[in-house]
Amino acid sequence: MKIGSFDFAHDGTFIIAELSANHNGSLELAKETIRAAARAGANAIKLQTYRADTITLDSKNEEFIIKGTTLWDDQNLYALYEKAYTPWEWHAELFATAKEENILCFSSPFDISAVDFLEQFDPPAYKIASFEITDNALIKHAASKGKPMIISTGVATKEEIYEAVKLCKSVGNEAIILLQCTSAYPAPLEDANLVMIPDLAQTFGVISGFSDHTLGIVAPIVAVTLGARVIEKHFILDKSIPSADQAFSLDEAELMQMVNAVRSAEKLLGKVDYAMSEKREHNRRFCRSLYVSQAIKKGDIFTSDNIKSVRPSNGLHPKYLEDILGKRACCDLDFATPMQFEYVQYDR
């Protein structure tokens, strides 16, 4: 699978910097945030494409007041989204800035009209947010555009995940990525449940990854070791910027640290390979082998006192020690001579 120029066959972990509301209502700040994400080494910057009236209703009823979160309690849904949204008239400049900075740009559409609007920019993928995983019409419409589908599973049941995957496939889209996600802001470490990452891949036959709302960079690194091929992290240019998401976003220095740590983790993971590489073969010279540990005269018996398994590896493999002990030497052997079969006298 490819997302733009990124090829999952050999390009490692796809790292997404999530802009979200961290532009604080400034186009220039949004553009500079894209530039910073590119400097930090992210593969992509992700926008959110909605208007308040495409994501909720302008109602003051009690059910439209946020309760039970740590950041947005008592705020009205419509008012929050009206403040946090990325204006649609910015998108052309944001996509252009990303192209200038050689970083991929795509978005999370929150309704069908957002998908149709985004198509003019030919985004390399679509992202379905956790709370939209139950919007079958949105998923099917986005998947029908033939772009890779990245779907967060933060609040989904297993059946709903199956349904989302089925909807993508029903329109011929098999390029599906499922992200383990904890829809809490910030998310406690004990709720990250990263063991879901390999299970998502195995259960649904897709690429899996991690949309992270925890603080810091530990969770993404652990996620990579568990097989995450995509890491999504909220990103802010400066943590002093007032934003709905600032509390759980990384700044440029932190994102760069995370990117570097992910790349190091990829190197550490390596690959399953039992072949004897040139480097491994070279280092085998320090393995143990059988050596003469005391001077031996012709006819002397080999014992555990005069033959030992030691470093380096110039002598016989240690597995032959039992075959040699008790037999006689057919020649004089100096101390520290690497043992060979030709030094053993065999009865005929």
C-alpha atoms as a PDB file:
ATOM      1  CA  MET A   1       0.000   0.000   0.000  1.00  0.00           C
ATOM      2  CA  LYS A   2       1.100   3.551  -0.714  1.00  0.00           C
ATOM      3  CA  ILE A   3      -0.020   6.879   0.683  1.00  0.00           C
ATOM      4  CA  GLY A   4       1.287   9.380  -1.814  1.00  0.00           C
ATOM      5  CA  SER A   5       5.011   8.747  -2.146  1.00  0.00           C
ATOM      6  CA  PHE A   6       5.124   6.746   1.095  1.00  0.00           C
ATOM      7  CA  ASP A   7       5.365   3.006   0.420  1.00  0.00           C
ATOM      8  CA  PHE A   8       4.496   0.711   3.322  1.00  0.00           C
ATOM      9  CA  ALA A   9       6.532  -2.045   1.682  1.00  0.00           C
ATOM     10  CA  HIS A  10       9.801  -0.419   2.644  1.00  0.00           C
ATOM     11  CA  ASP A  11       9.327   3.052   4.169  1.00  0.00           C
ATOM     12  CA  GLY A  12       8.817   2.077   7.803  1.00  0.00           C
ATOM     13  CA  THR A  13       6.320   3.911  10.012  1.00  0.00           C
ATOM     14  CA  PHE A  14       4.012   6.576   8.576  1.00  0.00           C
ATOM     15  CA  ILE A  15       4.082   9.495  11.020  1.00  0.00           C
ATOM     16  CA  ILE A  16       1.179  11.940  10.961  1.00  0.00           C
ATOM     17  CA  ALA A  17       1.259  15.343  12.649  1.00  0.00           C
ATOM     18  CA  GLU A  18      -2.332  16.295  13.481  1.00  0.00           C
ATOM     19  CA  LEU A  19      -2.972  20.044  13.116  1.00  0.00           C
ATOM     20  CA  SER A  20      -6.529  19.916  14.435  1.00  0.00           C
ATOM     21  CA  ALA A  21      -7.442  23.190  16.197  1.00  0.00           C
ATOM     22  CA  ASN A  22      -3.844  24.166  16.888  1.00  0.00           C
ATOM     23  CA  HIS A  23      -3.881  26.957  14.289  1.00  0.00           C
ATOM     24  CA  ASN A  24      -5.811  29.108  16.817  1.00  0.00           C
ATOM     25  CA  GLY A  25      -7.731  30.786  14.017  1.00  0.00           C
ATOM     26  CA  SER A  26      -4.657  32.004  12.133  1.00  0.00           C
ATOM     27  CA  LEU A  27      -3.883  30.905   8.580  1.00  0.00           C
ATOM     28  CA  GLU A  28      -0.254  32.006   8.912  1.00  0.00           C
ATOM     29  CA  LEU A  29       0.099  30.026  12.132  1.00  0.00           C
ATOM     30  CA  ALA A  30      -1.377  26.976  10.387  1.00  0.00           C
ATOM     31  CA  LYS A  31       1.107  27.309   7.526  1.00  0.00           C
ATOM     32  CA  GLU A  32       4.063  27.716   9.887  1.00  0.00           C
ATOM     33  CA  THR A  33       2.875  24.650  11.811  1.00  0.00           C
ATOM     34  CA  ILE A  34       3.000  22.661   8.564  1.00  0.00           C
ATOM     35  CA  ARG A  35       6.550  23.876   7.958  1.00  0.00           C
ATOM     36  CA  ALA A  36       7.531  22.874  11.498  1.00  0.00           C
ATOM     37  CA  ALA A  37       6.034  19.397  11.061  1.00  0.00           C
ATOM     38  CA  ALA A  38       8.140  18.960   7.943  1.00  0.00           C
ATOM     39  CA  ARG A  39      11.268  20.121   9.787  1.00  0.00           C
ATOM     40  CA  ALA A  40      10.531  17.663  12.575  1.00  0.00           C
ATOM     41  CA  GLY A  41      10.454  14.768  10.107  1.00  0.00           C
ATOM     42  CA  ALA A  42       6.755  13.900   9.977  1.00  0.00           C
ATOM     43  CA  ASN A  43       5.568  12.174   6.817  1.00  0.00           C
ATOM     44  CA  ALA A  44       2.235  13.975   6.747  1.00  0.00           C
ATOM     45  CA  ILE A  45       0.230  16.818   8.190  1.00  0.00           C
ATOM     46  CA  LYS A  46      -3.448  16.118   8.779  1.00  0.00           C
ATOM     47  CA  LEU A  47      -6.249  18.656   8.817  1.00  0.00           C
ATOM     48  CA  GLN A  48      -9.837  18.374   9.969  1.00  0.00           C
ATOM     49  CA  THR A  49     -12.490  19.442   7.488  1.00  0.00           C
ATOM     50  CA  TYR A  50     -15.830  20.401   8.984  1.00  0.00           C
ATOM     51  CA  ARG A  51     -17.948  23.365   9.918  1.00  0.00           C
ATOM     52  CA  ALA A  52     -19.831  23.544  13.155  1.00  0.00           C
ATOM     53  CA  ASP A  53     -23.115  22.943  11.337  1.00  0.00           C
ATOM     54  CA  THR A  54     -21.765  19.843   9.536  1.00  0.00           C
ATOM     55  CA  ILE A  55     -20.742  18.161  12.771  1.00  0.00           C
ATOM     56  CA  THR A  56     -23.486  19.135  15.235  1.00  0.00           C
ATOM     57  CA  LEU A  57     -26.581  21.321  15.735  1.00  0.00           C
ATOM     58  CA  ASP A  58     -26.676  24.866  17.057  1.00  0.00           C
ATOM     59  CA  SER A  59     -28.608  23.874  20.137  1.00  0.00           C
ATOM     60  CA  LYS A  60     -28.294  24.871  23.788  1.00  0.00           C
ATOM     61  CA  ASN A  61     -30.100  21.739  24.963  1.00  0.00           C
ATOM     62  CA  GLU A  62     -28.404  19.856  27.779  1.00  0.00           C
ATOM     63  CA  GLU A  63     -27.285  16.967  25.579  1.00  0.00           C
ATOM     64  CA  PHE A  64     -25.248  19.411  23.495  1.00  0.00           C
ATOM     65  CA  ILE A  65     -23.195  20.449  26.545  1.00  0.00           C
ATOM     66  CA  ILE A  66     -19.957  18.478  27.009  1.00  0.00           C
ATOM     67  CA  LYS A  67     -19.746  16.518  30.253  1.00  0.00           C
ATOM     68  CA  GLY A  68     -17.292  13.984  31.611  1.00  0.00           C
ATOM     69  CA  THR A  69     -14.102  15.138  29.892  1.00  0.00           C
ATOM     70  CA  THR A  70     -11.049  16.756  31.445  1.00  0.00           C
ATOM     71  CA  LEU A  71     -10.631  19.601  28.958  1.00  0.00           C
ATOM     72  CA  TRP A  72     -13.934  20.745  27.516  1.00  0.00           C
ATOM     73  CA  ASP A  73     -16.488  20.219  30.280  1.00  0.00           C
ATOM     74  CA  ASP A  74     -19.492  22.553  30.228  1.00  0.00           C
ATOM     75  CA  GLN A  75     -18.717  23.815  26.719  1.00  0.00           C
ATOM     76  CA  ASN A  76     -21.391  23.806  24.052  1.00  0.00           C
ATOM     77  CA  LEU A  77     -20.593  21.513  21.121  1.00  0.00           C
ATOM     78  CA  TYR A  78     -21.512  24.027  18.430  1.00  0.00           C
ATOM     79  CA  ALA A  79     -19.543  26.851  20.058  1.00  0.00           C
ATOM     80  CA  LEU A  80     -16.470  24.627  20.517  1.00  0.00           C
ATOM     81  CA  TYR A  81     -16.445  23.438  16.898  1.00  0.00           C
ATOM     82  CA  GLU A  82     -17.155  26.918  15.564  1.00  0.00           C
ATOM     83  CA  LYS A  83     -14.024  28.121  17.360  1.00  0.00           C
ATOM     84  CA  ALA A  84     -11.836  25.102  16.551  1.00  0.00           C
ATOM     85  CA  TYR A  85     -12.622  24.404  12.891  1.00  0.00           C
ATOM     86  CA  THR A  86     -10.207  24.974  10.037  1.00  0.00           C
ATOM     87  CA  PRO A  87     -11.842  27.394   7.578  1.00  0.00           C
ATOM     88  CA  TRP A  88     -12.476  25.709   4.248  1.00  0.00           C
ATOM     89  CA  GLU A  89     -11.111  28.695   2.339  1.00  0.00           C
ATOM     90  CA  TRP A  90      -7.703  27.999   3.929  1.00  0.00           C
ATOM     91  CA  HIS A  91      -7.380  24.516   2.507  1.00  0.00           C
ATOM     92  CA  ALA A  92      -5.905  25.493  -0.848  1.00  0.00           C
ATOM     93  CA  GLU A  93      -3.072  27.399   0.808  1.00  0.00           C
ATOM     94  CA  LEU A  94      -2.487  24.668   3.383  1.00  0.00           C
ATOM     95  CA  PHE A  95      -2.239  21.955   0.738  1.00  0.00           C
ATOM     96  CA  ALA A  96       0.056  24.217  -1.303  1.00  0.00           C
ATOM     97  CA  THR A  97       2.281  24.895   1.717  1.00  0.00           C
ATOM     98  CA  ALA A  98       2.573  21.183   2.401  1.00  0.00           C
ATOM     99  CA  LYS A  99       3.577  20.570  -1.207  1.00  0.00           C
ATOM    100  CA  GLU A 100       6.231  23.279  -0.977  1.00  0.00           C
ATOM    101  CA  GLU A 101       7.603  21.644   2.172  1.00  0.00           C
ATOM    102  CA  ASN A 102       7.522  18.140   0.646  1.00  0.00           C
ATOM    103  CA  ILE A 103       5.198  16.805   3.333  1.00  0.00           C
ATOM    104  CA  LEU A 104       1.974  14.955   2.506  1.00  0.00           C
ATOM    105  CA  CYS A 105      -1.282  16.648   3.411  1.00  0.00           C
ATOM    106  CA  PHE A 106      -4.710  15.075   3.882  1.00  0.00           C
ATOM    107  CA  SER A 107      -7.694  15.505   6.153  1.00  0.00           C
ATOM    108  CA  SER A 108     -10.436  13.996   8.258  1.00  0.00           C
ATOM    109  CA  PRO A 109     -13.737  14.821   6.542  1.00  0.00           C
ATOM    110  CA  PHE A 110     -16.667  14.881   8.933  1.00  0.00           C
ATOM    111  CA  ASP A 111     -19.462  14.641   6.404  1.00  0.00           C
ATOM    112  CA  ILE A 112     -20.018  13.825   2.728  1.00  0.00           C
ATOM    113  CA  SER A 113     -19.796  17.469   1.653  1.00  0.00           C
ATOM    114  CA  ALA A 114     -16.307  17.637   3.180  1.00  0.00           C
ATOM    115  CA  VAL A 115     -15.199  14.622   1.122  1.00  0.00           C
ATOM    116  CA  ASP A 116     -16.487  16.247  -2.059  1.00  0.00           C
ATOM    117  CA  PHE A 117     -14.773  19.517  -1.152  1.00  0.00           C
ATOM    118  CA  LEU A 118     -11.431  17.791  -0.418  1.00  0.00           C
ATOM    119  CA  GLU A 119     -11.409  15.879  -3.698  1.00  0.00           C
ATOM    120  CA  GLN A 120     -10.299  19.024  -5.579  1.00  0.00           C
ATOM    121  CA  PHE A 121      -6.964  18.779  -3.724  1.00  0.00           C
ATOM    122  CA  ASP A 122      -6.487  15.082  -4.581  1.00  0.00           C
ATOM    123  CA  PRO A 123      -5.544  14.104  -1.017  1.00  0.00           C
ATOM    124  CA  PRO A 124      -3.446  10.922  -0.752  1.00  0.00           C
ATOM    125  CA  ALA A 125      -5.735   9.404   1.914  1.00  0.00           C
ATOM    126  CA  TYR A 126      -8.801   9.987   4.031  1.00  0.00           C
ATOM    127  CA  LYS A 127      -8.962   9.686   7.813  1.00  0.00           C
ATOM    128  CA  ILE A 128     -12.150   8.751   9.622  1.00  0.00           C
ATOM    129  CA  ALA A 129     -12.192  10.026  13.190  1.00  0.00           C
ATOM    130  CA  SER A 130     -13.159   7.768  16.082  1.00  0.00           C
ATOM    131  CA  PHE A 131     -16.568   9.314  16.627  1.00  0.00           C
ATOM    132  CA  GLU A 132     -17.422   9.072  12.911  1.00  0.00           C
ATOM    133  CA  ILE A 133     -16.833   5.315  12.665  1.00  0.00           C
ATOM    134  CA  THR A 134     -20.594   4.796  12.985  1.00  0.00           C
ATOM    135  CA  ASP A 135     -21.328   7.112  10.037  1.00  0.00           C
ATOM    136  CA  ASN A 136     -21.699   4.450   7.370  1.00  0.00           C
ATOM    137  CA  ALA A 137     -22.605   6.902   4.609  1.00  0.00           C
ATOM    138  CA  LEU A 138     -19.469   8.975   5.264  1.00  0.00           C
ATOM    139  CA  ILE A 139     -17.182   5.947   5.292  1.00  0.00           C
ATOM    140  CA  LYS A 140     -18.648   4.474   2.125  1.00  0.00           C
ATOM    141  CA  HIS A 141     -18.501   7.793   0.272  1.00  0.00           C
ATOM    142  CA  ALA A 142     -14.905   8.502   1.302  1.00  0.00           C
ATOM    143  CA  ALA A 143     -13.820   4.944   0.460  1.00  0.00           C
ATOM    144  CA  SER A 144     -15.454   5.234  -2.971  1.00  0.00           C
ATOM    145  CA  LYS A 145     -12.825   7.817  -3.943  1.00  0.00           C
ATOM    146  CA  GLY A 146     -10.226   5.049  -4.065  1.00  0.00           C
ATOM    147  CA  LYS A 147      -7.810   6.590  -1.555  1.00  0.00           C
ATOM    148  CA  PRO A 148      -6.346   4.673   1.407  1.00  0.00           C
ATOM    149  CA  MET A 149      -8.708   4.805   4.369  1.00  0.00           C
ATOM    150  CA  ILE A 150      -7.285   5.407   7.850  1.00  0.00           C
ATOM    151  CA  ILE A 151      -9.915   4.699  10.485  1.00  0.00           C
ATOM    152  CA  SER A 152      -9.619   5.313  14.229  1.00  0.00           C
ATOM    153  CA  THR A 153     -11.373   2.747  16.401  1.00  0.00           C
ATOM    154  CA  GLY A 154     -11.459   4.607  19.725  1.00  0.00           C
ATOM    155  CA  VAL A 155     -15.144   4.197  20.552  1.00  0.00           C
ATOM    156  CA  ALA A 156     -16.108   1.384  18.189  1.00  0.00           C
ATOM    157  CA  THR A 157     -17.427  -2.047  18.973  1.00  0.00           C
ATOM    158  CA  LYS A 158     -15.877  -5.003  17.199  1.00  0.00           C
ATOM    159  CA  GLU A 159     -18.985  -5.267  15.047  1.00  0.00           C
ATOM    160  CA  GLU A 160     -18.720  -1.617  14.042  1.00  0.00           C
ATOM    161  CA  ILE A 161     -15.094  -2.079  13.018  1.00  0.00           C
ATOM    162  CA  TYR A 162     -16.108  -5.065  10.884  1.00  0.00           C
ATOM    163  CA  GLU A 163     -18.856  -2.923   9.354  1.00  0.00           C
ATOM    164  CA  ALA A 164     -16.434  -0.087   8.537  1.00  0.00           C
ATOM    165  CA  VAL A 165     -14.012  -2.487   6.861  1.00  0.00           C
ATOM    166  CA  LYS A 166     -16.887  -4.121   4.972  1.00  0.00           C
ATOM    167  CA  LEU A 167     -18.130  -0.737   3.746  1.00  0.00           C
ATOM    168  CA  CYS A 168     -14.711   0.124   2.334  1.00  0.00           C
ATOM    169  CA  LYS A 169     -14.449  -3.203   0.578  1.00  0.00           C
ATOM    170  CA  SER A 170     -17.994  -2.929  -0.780  1.00  0.00           C
ATOM    171  CA  VAL A 171     -16.823  -0.085  -3.034  1.00  0.00           C
ATOM    172  CA  GLY A 172     -13.642  -1.900  -4.051  1.00  0.00           C
ATOM    173  CA  ASN A 173     -11.328  -0.191  -1.548  1.00  0.00           C
ATOM    174  CA  GLU A 174      -8.983  -2.674   0.148  1.00  0.00           C
ATOM    175  CA  ALA A 175      -6.439  -0.053   1.270  1.00  0.00           C
ATOM    176  CA  ILE A 176      -7.518   0.072   4.906  1.00  0.00           C
ATOM    177  CA  ILE A 177      -5.589   1.087   8.022  1.00  0.00           C
ATOM    178  CA  LEU A 178      -7.112   0.724  11.478  1.00  0.00           C
ATOM    179  CA  LEU A 179      -5.745   2.792  14.343  1.00  0.00           C
ATOM    180  CA  GLN A 180      -5.931   1.807  17.975  1.00  0.00           C
ATOM    181  CA  CYS A 181      -7.102   4.933  19.746  1.00  0.00           C
ATOM    182  CA  THR A 182      -8.227   5.942  23.214  1.00  0.00           C
ATOM    183  CA  SER A 183     -10.784   8.704  22.869  1.00  0.00           C
ATOM    184  CA  ALA A 184      -9.782  10.571  26.006  1.00  0.00           C
ATOM    185  CA  TYR A 185      -7.993  13.902  26.008  1.00  0.00           C
ATOM    186  CA  PRO A 186      -5.384  13.413  27.328  1.00  0.00           C
ATOM    187  CA  ALA A 187      -5.521   9.611  27.516  1.00  0.00           C
ATOM    188  CA  PRO A 188      -4.148   7.884  30.642  1.00  0.00           C
ATOM    189  CA  LEU A 189      -1.318   5.465  29.874  1.00  0.00           C
ATOM    190  CA  GLU A 190      -3.222   2.606  31.480  1.00  0.00           C
ATOM    191  CA  ASP A 191      -6.019   3.076  28.942  1.00  0.00           C
ATOM    192  CA  ALA A 192      -3.815   3.002  25.826  1.00  0.00           C
ATOM    193  CA  ASN A 193      -4.262  -0.780  25.429  1.00  0.00           C
ATOM    194  CA  LEU A 194      -1.517  -1.045  22.819  1.00  0.00           C
ATOM    195  CA  VAL A 195      -1.831  -4.822  22.560  1.00  0.00           C
ATOM    196  CA  MET A 196      -4.809  -4.072  20.348  1.00  0.00           C
ATOM    197  CA  ILE A 197      -2.431  -2.980  17.573  1.00  0.00           C
ATOM    198  CA  PRO A 198      -1.308  -6.471  16.472  1.00  0.00           C
ATOM    199  CA  ASP A 199      -4.794  -7.825  17.137  1.00  0.00           C
ATOM    200  CA  LEU A 200      -6.407  -5.280  14.801  1.00  0.00           C
ATOM    201  CA  ALA A 201      -4.017  -6.294  12.033  1.00  0.00           C
ATOM    202  CA  GLN A 202      -4.605  -9.999  12.551  1.00  0.00           C
ATOM    203  CA  THR A 203      -8.359  -9.889  13.154  1.00  0.00           C
ATOM    204  CA  PHE A 204      -9.284  -7.604  10.276  1.00  0.00           C
ATOM    205  CA  GLY A 205      -6.472  -8.373   7.830  1.00  0.00           C
ATOM    206  CA  VAL A 206      -5.311  -4.762   7.561  1.00  0.00           C
ATOM    207  CA  ILE A 207      -2.391  -2.514   8.396  1.00  0.00           C
ATOM    208  CA  SER A 208      -2.709  -1.243  11.963  1.00  0.00           C
ATOM    209  CA  GLY A 209      -1.380   1.753  13.819  1.00  0.00           C
ATOM    210  CA  PHE A 210      -1.913   4.098  16.735  1.00  0.00           C
ATOM    211  CA  SER A 211      -3.653   7.445  17.111  1.00  0.00           C
ATOM    212  CA  ASP A 212      -2.121   8.746  20.311  1.00  0.00           C
ATOM    213  CA  HIS A 213      -3.683  11.085  22.853  1.00  0.00           C
ATOM    214  CA  THR A 214      -1.358  10.238  25.744  1.00  0.00           C
ATOM    215  CA  LEU A 215       1.189  12.736  27.000  1.00  0.00           C
ATOM    216  CA  GLY A 216       4.804  12.425  25.860  1.00  0.00           C
ATOM    217  CA  ILE A 217       6.319  10.014  23.345  1.00  0.00           C
ATOM    218  CA  VAL A 218       6.593   6.706  25.214  1.00  0.00           C
ATOM    219  CA  ALA A 219       3.339   5.255  23.860  1.00  0.00           C
ATOM    220  CA  PRO A 220       4.191   5.754  20.160  1.00  0.00           C
ATOM    221  CA  ILE A 221       7.574   4.059  20.605  1.00  0.00           C
ATOM    222  CA  VAL A 222       5.999   1.063  22.333  1.00  0.00           C
ATOM    223  CA  ALA A 223       3.325   1.000  19.627  1.00  0.00           C
ATOM    224  CA  VAL A 224       5.971   0.670  16.912  1.00  0.00           C
ATOM    225  CA  THR A 225       7.522  -2.302  18.710  1.00  0.00           C
ATOM    226  CA  LEU A 226       4.075  -3.944  18.667  1.00  0.00           C
ATOM    227  CA  GLY A 227       3.735  -3.529  14.923  1.00  0.00           C
ATOM    228  CA  ALA A 228       2.156  -0.086  14.467  1.00  0.00           C
ATOM    229  CA  ARG A 229       2.817   1.103  10.916  1.00  0.00           C
ATOM    230  CA  VAL A 230       1.094   4.456  11.411  1.00  0.00           C
ATOM    231  CA  ILE A 231       1.534   6.894  14.296  1.00  0.00           C
ATOM    232  CA  GLU A 232      -0.729   9.916  14.591  1.00  0.00           C
ATOM    233  CA  LYS A 233       0.055  12.616  17.145  1.00  0.00           C
ATOM    234  CA  HIS A 234      -1.447  16.056  17.733  1.00  0.00           C
ATOM    235  CA  PHE A 235       1.049  18.797  16.898  1.00  0.00           C
ATOM    236  CA  ILE A 236       1.308  22.432  17.925  1.00  0.00           C
ATOM    237  CA  LEU A 237       3.881  25.015  16.920  1.00  0.00           C
ATOM    238  CA  ASP A 238       4.213  26.454  20.410  1.00  0.00           C
ATOM    239  CA  LYS A 239       2.610  25.171  23.610  1.00  0.00           C
ATOM    240  CA  SER A 240       1.886  28.714  24.704  1.00  0.00           C
ATOM    241  CA  ILE A 241      -0.682  28.981  21.890  1.00  0.00           C
ATOM    242  CA  PRO A 242      -4.199  28.767  23.349  1.00  0.00           C
ATOM    243  CA  SER A 243      -5.910  25.846  21.662  1.00  0.00           C
ATOM    244  CA  ALA A 244      -8.515  23.225  22.400  1.00  0.00           C
ATOM    245  CA  ASP A 245      -5.836  20.566  21.896  1.00  0.00           C
ATOM    246  CA  GLN A 246      -2.703  22.192  23.316  1.00  0.00           C
ATOM    247  CA  ALA A 247      -2.711  20.065  26.483  1.00  0.00           C
ATOM    248  CA  PHE A 248      -1.976  16.814  24.624  1.00  0.00           C
ATOM    249  CA  SER A 249      -0.051  18.101  21.603  1.00  0.00           C
ATOM    250  CA  LEU A 250       3.680  17.855  20.931  1.00  0.00           C
ATOM    251  CA  ASP A 251       5.704  20.904  19.948  1.00  0.00           C
ATOM    252  CA  GLU A 252       8.379  20.862  17.246  1.00  0.00           C
ATOM    253  CA  ALA A 253      11.239  19.723  19.483  1.00  0.00           C
ATOM    254  CA  GLU A 254       9.098  16.951  20.984  1.00  0.00           C
ATOM    255  CA  LEU A 255       7.814  15.788  17.611  1.00  0.00           C
ATOM    256  CA  MET A 256      11.360  15.648  16.273  1.00  0.00           C
ATOM    257  CA  GLN A 257      12.363  13.628  19.331  1.00  0.00           C
ATOM    258  CA  MET A 258       9.458  11.237  18.694  1.00  0.00           C
ATOM    259  CA  VAL A 259      10.285  10.875  15.003  1.00  0.00           C
ATOM    260  CA  ASN A 260      13.920  10.119  15.792  1.00  0.00           C
ATOM    261  CA  ALA A 261      12.909   7.616  18.471  1.00  0.00           C
ATOM    262  CA  VAL A 262      10.511   5.877  16.079  1.00  0.00           C
ATOM    263  CA  ARG A 263      13.242   5.622  13.447  1.00  0.00           C
ATOM    264  CA  SER A 264      15.608   4.197  16.063  1.00  0.00           C
ATOM    265  CA  ALA A 265      12.951   1.693  17.153  1.00  0.00           C
ATOM    266  CA  GLU A 266      12.551   0.586  13.530  1.00  0.00           C
ATOM    267  CA  LYS A 267      16.277  -0.087  13.314  1.00  0.00           C
ATOM    268  CA  LEU A 268      16.199  -1.986  16.598  1.00  0.00           C
ATOM    269  CA  LEU A 269      13.335  -4.199  15.412  1.00  0.00           C
ATOM    270  CA  GLY A 270      15.165  -5.283  12.265  1.00  0.00           C
ATOM    271  CA  LYS A 271      13.860  -8.440  10.626  1.00  0.00           C
ATOM    272  CA  VAL A 272      13.669 -12.180  11.189  1.00  0.00           C
ATOM    273  CA  ASP A 273      16.895 -13.473   9.692  1.00  0.00           C
ATOM    274  CA  TYR A 274      18.875 -16.556  10.691  1.00  0.00           C
ATOM    275  CA  ALA A 275      21.324 -16.218   7.810  1.00  0.00           C
ATOM    276  CA  MET A 276      24.979 -15.750   8.691  1.00  0.00           C
ATOM    277  CA  SER A 277      25.771 -12.239   7.494  1.00  0.00           C
ATOM    278  CA  GLU A 278      29.319 -11.117   6.878  1.00  0.00           C
ATOM    279  CA  LYS A 279      29.223  -9.038  10.047  1.00  0.00           C
ATOM    280  CA  ARG A 280      27.926 -11.922  12.163  1.00  0.00           C
ATOM    281  CA  GLU A 281      30.467 -14.258  10.628  1.00  0.00           C
ATOM    282  CA  HIS A 282      33.223 -11.784  11.438  1.00  0.00           C
ATOM    283  CA  ASN A 283      32.093 -11.542  15.068  1.00  0.00           C
ATOM    284  CA  ARG A 284      32.006 -15.328  15.430  1.00  0.00           C
ATOM    285  CA  ARG A 285      35.780 -15.249  15.835  1.00  0.00           C
ATOM    286  CA  PHE A 286      35.080 -14.441  19.481  1.00  0.00           C
ATOM    287  CA  CYS A 287      32.996 -17.581  19.997  1.00  0.00           C
ATOM    288  CA  ARG A 288      34.423 -20.410  22.064  1.00  0.00           C
ATOM    289  CA  SER A 289      36.315 -23.355  20.658  1.00  0.00           C
ATOM    290  CA  LEU A 290      38.578 -26.151  21.956  1.00  0.00           C
ATOM    291  CA  TYR A 291      42.165 -25.196  22.839  1.00  0.00           C
ATOM    292  CA  VAL A 292      45.134 -26.927  24.434  1.00  0.00           C
ATOM    293  CA  SER A 293      45.215 -25.457  27.929  1.00  0.00           C
ATOM    294  CA  GLN A 294      48.379 -27.314  29.069  1.00  0.00           C
ATOM    295  CA  ALA A 295      51.341 -28.541  26.968  1.00  0.00           C
ATOM    296  CA  ILE A 296      50.698 -32.102  25.783  1.00  0.00           C
ATOM    297  CA  LYS A 297      53.180 -34.796  24.779  1.00  0.00           C
ATOM    298  CA  LYS A 298      52.536 -37.421  22.133  1.00  0.00           C
ATOM    299  CA  GLY A 299      50.585 -40.271  23.739  1.00  0.00           C
ATOM    300  CA  ASP A 300      49.138 -38.136  26.561  1.00  0.00           C
ATOM    301  CA  ILE A 301      45.440 -38.519  27.273  1.00  0.00           C
ATOM    302  CA  PHE A 302      43.183 -35.576  26.561  1.00  0.00           C
ATOM    303  CA  THR A 303      41.493 -34.452  29.807  1.00  0.00           C
ATOM    304  CA  SER A 304      39.388 -31.557  31.043  1.00  0.00           C
ATOM    305  CA  ASP A 305      42.645 -30.103  32.421  1.00  0.00           C
ATOM    306  CA  ASN A 306      44.532 -29.941  29.139  1.00  0.00           C
ATOM    307  CA  ILE A 307      41.649 -29.292  26.735  1.00  0.00           C
ATOM    308  CA  LYS A 308      39.248 -26.421  27.396  1.00  0.00           C
ATOM    309  CA  SER A 309      36.464 -24.521  25.672  1.00  0.00           C
ATOM    310  CA  VAL A 310      37.666 -20.914  25.467  1.00  0.00           C
ATOM    311  CA  ARG A 311      37.636 -17.883  23.207  1.00  0.00           C
ATOM    312  CA  PRO A 312      38.478 -17.396  20.274  1.00  0.00           C
ATOM    313  CA  SER A 313      36.960 -19.734  17.680  1.00  0.00           C
ATOM    314  CA  ASN A 314      40.008 -21.074  15.810  1.00  0.00           C
ATOM    315  CA  GLY A 315      39.749 -24.577  17.288  1.00  0.00           C
ATOM    316  CA  LEU A 316      37.142 -27.321  17.085  1.00  0.00           C
ATOM    317  CA  HIS A 317      33.563 -26.568  18.002  1.00  0.00           C
ATOM    318  CA  PRO A 318      32.973 -27.147  21.760  1.00  0.00           C
ATOM    319  CA  LYS A 319      30.360 -29.799  20.913  1.00  0.00           C
ATOM    320  CA  TYR A 320      33.249 -32.187  20.113  1.00  0.00           C
ATOM    321  CA  LEU A 321      34.755 -32.025  23.621  1.00  0.00           C
ATOM    322  CA  GLU A 322      33.167 -35.267  24.791  1.00  0.00           C
ATOM    323  CA  ASP A 323      34.396 -37.034  21.642  1.00  0.00           C
ATOM    324  CA  ILE A 324      37.983 -36.044  22.353  1.00  0.00           C
ATOM    325  CA  LEU A 325      38.284 -36.519  26.124  1.00  0.00           C
ATOM    326  CA  GLY A 326      39.888 -39.869  27.014  1.00  0.00           C
ATOM    327  CA  LYS A 327      41.652 -40.264  23.670  1.00  0.00           C
ATOM    328  CA  ARG A 328      45.416 -39.836  23.171  1.00  0.00           C
ATOM    329  CA  ALA A 329      47.416 -37.194  21.368  1.00  0.00           C
ATOM    330  CA  CYS A 330      49.191 -38.350  18.215  1.00  0.00           C
ATOM    331  CA  CYS A 331      51.763 -35.528  18.448  1.00  0.00           C
ATOM    332  CA  ASP A 332      53.229 -32.956  20.807  1.00  0.00           C
ATOM    333  CA  LEU A 333      50.952 -29.927  21.298  1.00  0.00           C
ATOM    334  CA  ASP A 334      52.024 -26.579  22.690  1.00  0.00           C
ATOM    335  CA  PHE A 335      49.993 -24.520  25.135  1.00  0.00           C
ATOM    336  CA  ALA A 336      47.270 -22.445  23.385  1.00  0.00           C
ATOM    337  CA  THR A 337      47.186 -24.598  20.264  1.00  0.00           C
ATOM    338  CA  PRO A 338      43.730 -24.596  18.651  1.00  0.00           C
ATOM    339  CA  MET A 339      42.535 -28.201  18.785  1.00  0.00           C
ATOM    340  CA  GLN A 340      41.967 -30.163  15.544  1.00  0.00           C
ATOM    341  CA  PHE A 341      40.820 -33.729  14.826  1.00  0.00           C
ATOM    342  CA  GLU A 342      44.187 -34.483  13.231  1.00  0.00           C
ATOM    343  CA  TYR A 343      45.826 -34.260  16.674  1.00  0.00           C
ATOM    344  CA  VAL A 344      43.749 -37.161  18.002  1.00  0.00           C
ATOM    345  CA  GLN A 345      44.978 -40.752  17.876  1.00  0.00           C
ATOM    346  CA  TYR A 346      42.106 -43.049  16.951  1.00  0.00           C
ATOM    347  CA  ASP A 347      42.320 -46.806  17.630  1.00  0.00           C
ATOM    348  CA  ARG A 348      42.160 -48.865  14.493  1.00  0.00           C
END
